[in-house]
Protein backbone atom coordinates (compact mmCIF):
# COMPACT_ATOMS: atom_id res chain seq x y z
CA MET A 1 101.27 74.99 128.16
CA ASP A 2 101.29 77.13 131.27
CA LYS A 3 104.18 77.37 133.71
CA LYS A 4 102.87 74.53 135.90
CA ASP A 5 102.52 72.18 132.93
CA ILE A 6 106.06 73.03 131.80
CA GLU A 7 107.50 72.31 135.26
CA GLN A 8 105.64 68.97 135.44
CA LEU A 9 106.87 67.92 132.01
CA LEU A 10 110.47 68.82 132.90
CA LYS A 11 110.14 66.90 136.17
CA ARG A 12 108.87 63.80 134.40
CA TYR A 13 111.52 64.08 131.71
CA ARG A 14 114.47 64.42 134.07
CA SER A 15 113.21 61.60 136.30
CA GLY A 16 113.27 59.26 133.34
CA GLU A 17 109.50 58.81 133.04
CA PRO A 18 108.20 58.10 129.53
CA ILE A 19 106.80 61.03 127.58
CA THR A 20 104.67 61.02 124.45
CA ALA A 21 105.98 61.84 120.98
CA ALA A 22 103.96 65.07 121.05
CA GLU A 23 105.49 66.05 124.42
CA LYS A 24 108.96 65.23 123.07
CA ARG A 25 108.39 67.47 120.04
CA TRP A 26 107.12 70.26 122.29
CA LEU A 27 110.11 69.89 124.60
CA ASP A 28 112.55 70.03 121.68
CA SER A 29 110.77 73.11 120.38
CA PHE A 30 110.85 74.66 123.85
CA TYR A 31 114.60 74.28 124.22
CA LEU A 32 115.24 75.21 120.63
CA HIS A 33 113.17 78.33 120.28
CA TYR A 34 111.22 79.48 123.32
CA ALA A 35 113.35 78.94 126.39
CA GLN A 36 115.20 82.22 126.03
CA ARG A 37 112.25 84.47 125.25
CA SER A 38 108.93 82.98 126.31
CA LYS A 39 106.83 84.50 129.10
CA HIS A 40 107.67 81.34 131.10
CA HIS A 41 111.37 82.21 130.87
CA ILE A 42 113.67 79.52 132.22
CA SER A 43 117.12 80.85 133.00
CA ASP A 44 120.45 79.24 132.23
CA THR A 45 120.77 78.55 135.97
CA ALA A 46 117.50 76.64 136.01
CA LEU A 47 118.55 74.64 132.96
CA ALA A 48 121.84 73.79 134.65
CA GLU A 49 119.94 72.66 137.77
CA ASN A 50 117.79 70.39 135.61
CA LEU A 51 120.90 68.80 134.15
CA ALA A 52 122.43 68.41 137.61
CA THR A 53 119.28 66.65 138.81
CA VAL A 54 119.39 64.25 135.87
CA GLU A 55 123.04 63.46 136.60
CA ALA A 56 122.38 62.97 140.34
CA ASN A 57 119.54 60.54 139.60
CA MET A 58 121.75 58.57 137.24
CA LYS A 59 124.48 58.26 139.88
CA LYS A 60 122.00 56.49 142.22
CA SER A 61 122.27 53.34 140.08
CA VAL A 62 123.99 50.40 141.88
CA SER A 63 125.39 48.62 138.85
CA PRO A 64 128.78 49.97 137.71
CA TYR A 65 127.95 48.84 134.20
CA ARG A 66 124.59 50.57 134.35
CA ALA A 67 126.19 53.68 135.87
CA SER A 68 128.70 53.76 133.07
CA LYS A 69 125.95 53.32 130.54
CA ASN A 70 123.88 56.06 132.19
CA ARG A 71 126.86 58.43 132.20
CA MET A 72 127.24 57.84 128.48
CA ARG A 73 123.54 58.53 128.02
CA PHE A 74 123.80 61.65 130.14
CA ALA A 75 126.81 62.87 128.19
CA ALA A 76 124.97 62.31 124.94
CA ALA A 77 121.85 64.00 126.30
CA ALA A 78 123.84 66.95 127.63
CA THR A 79 125.66 67.31 124.31
CA LEU A 80 122.35 67.21 122.46
CA LEU A 81 120.74 69.69 124.84
CA PHE A 82 123.54 72.23 124.65
CA GLY A 83 123.68 71.72 120.89
CA LEU A 84 119.98 72.50 120.72
CA LEU A 85 120.44 75.59 122.91
CA PHE A 86 123.27 76.84 120.70
CA LEU A 87 121.24 76.13 117.58
CA GLY A 88 118.26 77.85 119.17
CA TYR A 89 120.34 80.95 119.90
CA TYR A 90 121.69 80.96 116.35
CA LEU A 91 118.25 80.54 114.80
CA GLN A 92 116.72 83.11 117.12
CA THR A 93 119.27 85.74 116.13
CA ASN A 94 119.32 84.83 112.45
CA TYR A 95 116.72 82.55 110.87
CA PHE A 96 113.95 83.45 113.34
CA LYS A 97 114.84 87.14 113.33
CA ARG A 98 111.58 89.06 113.22
CA THR A 99 112.72 92.12 111.30
CA GLU A 100 114.13 92.92 107.89
CA GLU A 101 116.63 95.70 107.26
CA LEU A 102 117.02 97.36 103.88
CA GLN A 103 119.92 99.77 103.30
CA LEU A 104 120.17 101.55 99.95
CA ALA A 105 123.21 103.24 98.48
CA GLY A 106 123.03 106.60 96.72
CA GLY A 107 121.39 106.35 93.30
CA GLU A 108 119.20 103.40 94.31
CA MET A 109 115.43 103.31 94.76
CA ARG A 110 113.31 100.39 95.93
CA GLU A 111 109.62 99.66 96.48
CA ILE A 112 108.69 97.37 99.38
CA ILE A 113 105.24 95.90 99.90
CA LEU A 114 104.64 94.96 103.53
CA GLU A 115 102.58 92.02 104.74
CA ASP A 116 99.53 94.26 105.26
CA GLY A 117 99.66 95.62 101.70
CA SER A 118 101.27 98.95 102.60
CA LYS A 119 103.71 100.20 99.96
CA ILE A 120 106.96 102.00 100.77
CA THR A 121 109.21 103.59 98.15
CA LEU A 122 112.69 104.03 99.65
CA ASN A 123 115.04 106.74 98.39
CA GLY A 124 118.80 106.44 97.95
CA SER A 125 121.13 106.54 100.97
CA SER A 126 118.23 105.45 103.20
CA LYS A 127 117.60 102.62 105.66
CA LEU A 128 114.30 100.94 106.48
CA ILE A 129 113.77 98.45 109.32
CA TYR A 130 110.44 96.63 109.28
CA PRO A 131 108.91 93.43 110.71
CA LYS A 132 108.32 90.33 108.62
CA SER A 133 104.82 90.08 110.06
CA PHE A 134 102.33 92.24 111.96
CA GLU A 135 100.26 89.23 112.94
CA ASN A 136 100.99 89.17 116.68
CA SER A 137 101.27 92.91 117.18
CA SER A 138 98.74 95.58 118.13
CA THR A 139 100.57 98.12 115.94
CA ARG A 140 102.47 98.21 112.65
CA GLU A 141 105.85 99.82 113.31
CA VAL A 142 108.80 100.62 111.05
CA THR A 143 111.98 102.65 111.46
CA LEU A 144 113.26 105.00 108.75
CA ILE A 145 116.58 106.79 108.46
CA GLY A 146 116.54 108.81 105.26
CA GLU A 147 113.60 109.34 102.92
CA ALA A 148 110.61 107.28 101.83
CA TYR A 149 107.13 107.65 100.39
CA PHE A 150 104.46 105.70 102.30
CA ASP A 151 101.11 104.51 100.97
CA VAL A 152 99.69 102.83 104.06
CA ALA A 153 96.90 100.25 103.93
CA ARG A 154 94.06 101.30 106.23
CA ASN A 155 93.57 99.24 109.40
CA GLU A 156 91.86 101.04 112.26
CA GLN A 157 92.67 98.17 114.62
CA LYS A 158 96.43 98.47 114.01
CA PRO A 159 97.83 102.01 113.75
CA PHE A 160 100.91 102.38 111.56
CA LEU A 161 103.86 104.00 113.39
CA ILE A 162 107.04 105.37 111.84
CA HIS A 163 110.12 106.14 113.92
CA THR A 164 112.83 108.42 112.52
CA PRO A 165 115.78 110.01 114.34
CA ARG A 166 113.79 113.21 114.96
CA MET A 167 110.13 112.39 114.40
CA GLU A 168 107.34 109.98 115.33
CA ILE A 169 104.40 109.54 112.95
CA ARG A 170 101.10 107.72 113.54
CA VAL A 171 98.63 106.91 110.74
CA LEU A 172 95.68 104.63 110.01
CA GLY A 173 95.74 104.71 106.21
CA THR A 174 97.12 107.49 104.05
CA ALA A 175 99.90 108.60 101.68
CA PHE A 176 102.75 110.87 102.70
CA ASN A 177 106.47 111.53 102.31
CA VAL A 178 108.99 111.42 105.17
CA ARG A 179 112.52 112.80 105.01
CA ASP A 180 114.95 112.62 107.92
CA TYR A 181 118.57 112.21 106.88
CA GLN A 182 120.87 112.48 109.86
CA GLU A 183 123.29 114.82 108.08
CA ASP A 184 120.53 117.30 107.12
CA GLN A 185 119.56 120.27 109.25
CA GLN A 186 115.89 119.82 108.33
CA ALA A 187 113.46 116.91 108.65
CA GLU A 188 109.89 116.85 107.43
CA THR A 189 106.68 114.87 106.94
CA ALA A 190 104.57 115.94 103.95
CA LEU A 191 100.96 114.69 103.77
CA ILE A 192 99.54 113.93 100.33
CA ARG A 193 96.18 112.42 101.35
CA GLY A 194 94.49 111.14 104.48
CA GLN A 195 95.51 112.23 107.97
CA VAL A 196 98.57 111.76 110.16
CA GLU A 197 99.71 112.69 113.64
CA VAL A 198 103.35 113.72 113.95
CA TRP A 199 105.52 114.91 116.80
CA LYS A 200 109.15 115.47 117.73
CA THR A 201 110.87 112.41 119.12
CA GLY A 202 110.38 112.30 122.88
CA GLN A 203 107.59 114.90 122.92
CA GLU A 204 104.39 112.94 122.25
CA LYS A 205 102.31 115.46 124.21
CA GLU A 206 102.96 118.05 121.48
CA LYS A 207 101.30 116.28 118.56
CA HIS A 208 100.45 117.96 115.27
CA LEU A 209 97.56 116.77 113.12
CA LEU A 210 98.32 117.32 109.43
CA LYS A 211 95.79 117.96 106.70
CA PRO A 212 96.38 117.07 103.04
CA LYS A 213 98.93 119.34 101.34
CA GLU A 214 100.52 120.28 104.67
CA LYS A 215 103.93 119.34 106.00
CA PHE A 216 105.47 119.23 109.45
CA VAL A 217 109.00 120.65 109.48
CA LEU A 218 111.80 120.36 112.02
CA GLU A 219 114.81 122.50 111.33
CA ASN A 220 118.23 123.47 112.65
CA THR A 221 118.70 120.43 114.91
CA PRO A 222 122.01 120.79 116.81
CA VAL A 223 124.57 118.14 115.94
CA GLU A 224 125.11 117.27 119.62
CA GLU A 225 121.41 116.47 120.04
CA MET A 226 121.43 114.35 116.91
CA LYS A 227 124.25 112.28 118.42
CA SER A 228 122.24 111.67 121.58
CA ILE A 229 119.23 110.60 119.53
CA ARG A 230 121.24 107.88 117.85
CA GLU A 231 122.16 106.37 121.23
CA LYS A 232 119.23 103.96 121.29
CA ASP A 233 119.47 103.01 124.94
CA LYS A 234 119.18 106.58 126.23
CA PRO A 235 115.97 108.60 126.64
CA HIS A 236 115.97 111.56 124.30
CA THR A 237 114.05 114.75 123.56
CA LEU A 238 114.54 117.65 121.20
CA PRO A 239 113.76 120.71 123.34
CA ASN A 240 115.40 123.32 121.13
CA VAL A 241 114.18 122.30 117.69
CA ALA A 242 112.00 124.74 115.78
CA THR A 243 108.81 123.23 114.38
CA ASN A 244 106.20 124.60 112.06
CA ILE A 245 103.43 123.56 109.70
CA ARG A 246 103.78 124.68 106.09
CA PRO A 247 101.92 124.09 102.84
CA ILE A 248 103.61 121.59 100.56
CA ALA A 249 104.98 122.93 97.27
CA ILE A 250 103.11 121.97 94.08
CA SER A 251 104.87 121.66 90.74
CA GLU A 252 103.48 123.99 88.07
CA LYS A 253 104.32 121.39 85.45
CA ASP A 254 101.98 118.57 86.50
CA GLY A 255 100.58 119.40 89.95
CA GLN A 256 102.82 116.88 91.73
CA ALA A 257 104.11 117.71 95.20
CA THR A 258 107.74 118.75 94.93
CA GLU A 259 108.40 116.78 98.13
CA THR A 260 107.85 113.54 96.17
CA GLU A 261 109.59 114.52 92.92
CA TRP A 262 112.64 112.46 93.83
CA MET A 263 110.68 109.37 92.73
CA VAL A 264 110.74 110.62 89.12
CA LYS A 265 114.24 112.14 89.39
CA ARG A 266 112.90 115.67 89.08
CA VAL A 267 114.92 118.18 91.09
CA THR A 268 113.16 121.39 92.09
CA ILE A 269 115.52 123.77 93.86
CA MET A 270 114.09 126.69 95.81
CA ASP A 271 116.60 128.99 97.50
CA GLU A 272 118.95 126.14 98.42
CA SER A 273 122.70 126.28 98.96
CA LEU A 274 124.99 124.34 96.67
CA ALA A 275 125.92 122.16 99.66
CA GLN A 276 122.26 121.17 100.11
CA ILE A 277 121.85 120.55 96.39
CA ALA A 278 124.96 118.37 96.34
CA ARG A 279 123.52 116.10 99.05
CA ARG A 280 120.31 115.69 97.06
CA LEU A 281 122.23 114.86 93.88
CA GLU A 282 124.33 112.30 95.74
CA ARG A 283 121.18 110.46 96.85
CA ILE A 284 119.47 110.57 93.48
CA TYR A 285 122.43 109.81 91.22
CA GLY A 286 124.72 107.80 93.49
CA VAL A 287 127.72 110.10 93.04
CA LYS A 288 130.10 111.57 95.61
CA ILE A 289 130.29 115.38 95.45
CA THR A 290 132.95 117.34 97.33
CA ILE A 291 132.90 121.14 97.53
CA LYS A 292 136.34 122.47 98.41
CA ASN A 293 135.41 126.11 99.01
CA GLN A 294 132.93 127.24 101.69
CA ALA A 295 131.88 130.36 99.78
CA VAL A 296 130.96 128.22 96.79
CA ALA A 297 129.14 125.74 99.05
CA ASN A 298 127.02 128.61 100.45
CA GLN A 299 125.91 129.95 97.05
CA VAL A 300 122.10 129.85 96.75
CA TYR A 301 120.15 128.65 93.69
CA SER A 302 116.60 128.20 92.42
CA ALA A 303 115.90 126.00 89.39
CA THR A 304 114.09 122.88 88.15
CA PHE A 305 115.67 119.93 86.35
CA ASP A 306 113.44 117.17 85.02
CA ASN A 307 115.22 113.78 85.00
CA GLU A 308 118.41 115.28 83.59
CA PRO A 309 121.95 113.84 83.89
CA VAL A 310 123.93 115.17 86.81
CA ASP A 311 126.38 116.92 84.43
CA ASP A 312 123.52 118.89 82.85
CA ILE A 313 122.33 119.95 86.30
CA LEU A 314 125.78 121.14 87.34
CA GLN A 315 126.25 123.01 84.07
CA GLY A 316 122.88 124.69 84.56
CA LEU A 317 123.86 125.78 88.06
CA GLN A 318 127.19 127.09 86.75
CA ALA A 319 125.29 129.51 84.53
CA VAL A 320 123.65 131.08 87.62
CA ALA A 321 126.72 131.37 89.86
CA ALA A 322 130.05 130.27 88.46
CA PHE A 323 132.12 127.39 89.83
CA ARG A 324 134.33 124.70 88.35
CA TYR A 325 133.95 120.96 88.71
CA GLN A 326 135.74 117.87 87.54
CA LYS A 327 135.20 114.12 87.71
CA ASP A 328 137.69 111.43 88.60
CA THR A 329 137.80 107.97 87.01
CA ALA A 330 135.28 106.64 89.54
CA GLY A 331 132.77 109.38 88.65
CA ASN A 332 133.25 111.34 91.90
CA ILE A 333 132.81 115.10 91.48
CA SER A 334 135.00 117.82 92.95
CA ILE A 335 133.72 121.42 92.93
CA THR A 336 136.10 124.37 93.29
CA THR A 337 136.16 128.13 92.76
CA PRO A 338 135.90 129.53 89.18
């Protein structure tokens, strides 16, 4: 129905004219689901005016008995209408909600298959927001906070867009890894196959086209700018963030990109501080690691651990640069000086 048809139906309905069963079902559906968000938006004021018109027409009746009966009908109709509006609001914000939100704790990993066949493997301590359906959209858009591996189904008619706190990524069909944890100083997109466009949030004019085995890196993002990014209602740019394109690192063991090793719990450390390593271990193993000495936190390591328990990893790091650690009853780890 267009706007004129809607107005005519409402006019007939509030004047007491008979309407068909199909029109009644449409009207119920309109009030229940579409009134608050259709392109023919009808405001609360307009709805109130409709009710006032119905009441005024009912008051024109001469018979007191009939007036009383009409008031009862009006009261019932008003109760039903407002009940439908309330139910519509509830369903719109809950049952009819168009997006899903998946939040993983540290130590968790989950694979999600989207409606279009795209596969997303979500890392621990990450959040993914995605639509239930792409049917009525010209694009396929998801939001990631954390890390995930994407294997996107090709659809040239509907580009796939990924929003992270610091990056925007556009693809047609490809496989790549995205990491953008808000507490990290570095964010990156690593391309495994296919082709992607990536740019800093708010700077679409400065796009970078990645080739396979390349990664786009943002580093040293100021904390104050990160806070402004998370304020969704404010425009944001990242004018002072260093960007560069680097080759991805390939494991000598099996030729796998080190950027995706988290999916097999392999930890390759290349000139990383213990503080950085601790954050990675928290995400992979679901433990809380506290480093109580800044000098120890700044110690730099290089090593590879292939699906080993977190205790074995810490003991291996101890052999390179000494520190002490202990666990509490909940499994949380505290690292101190030797």
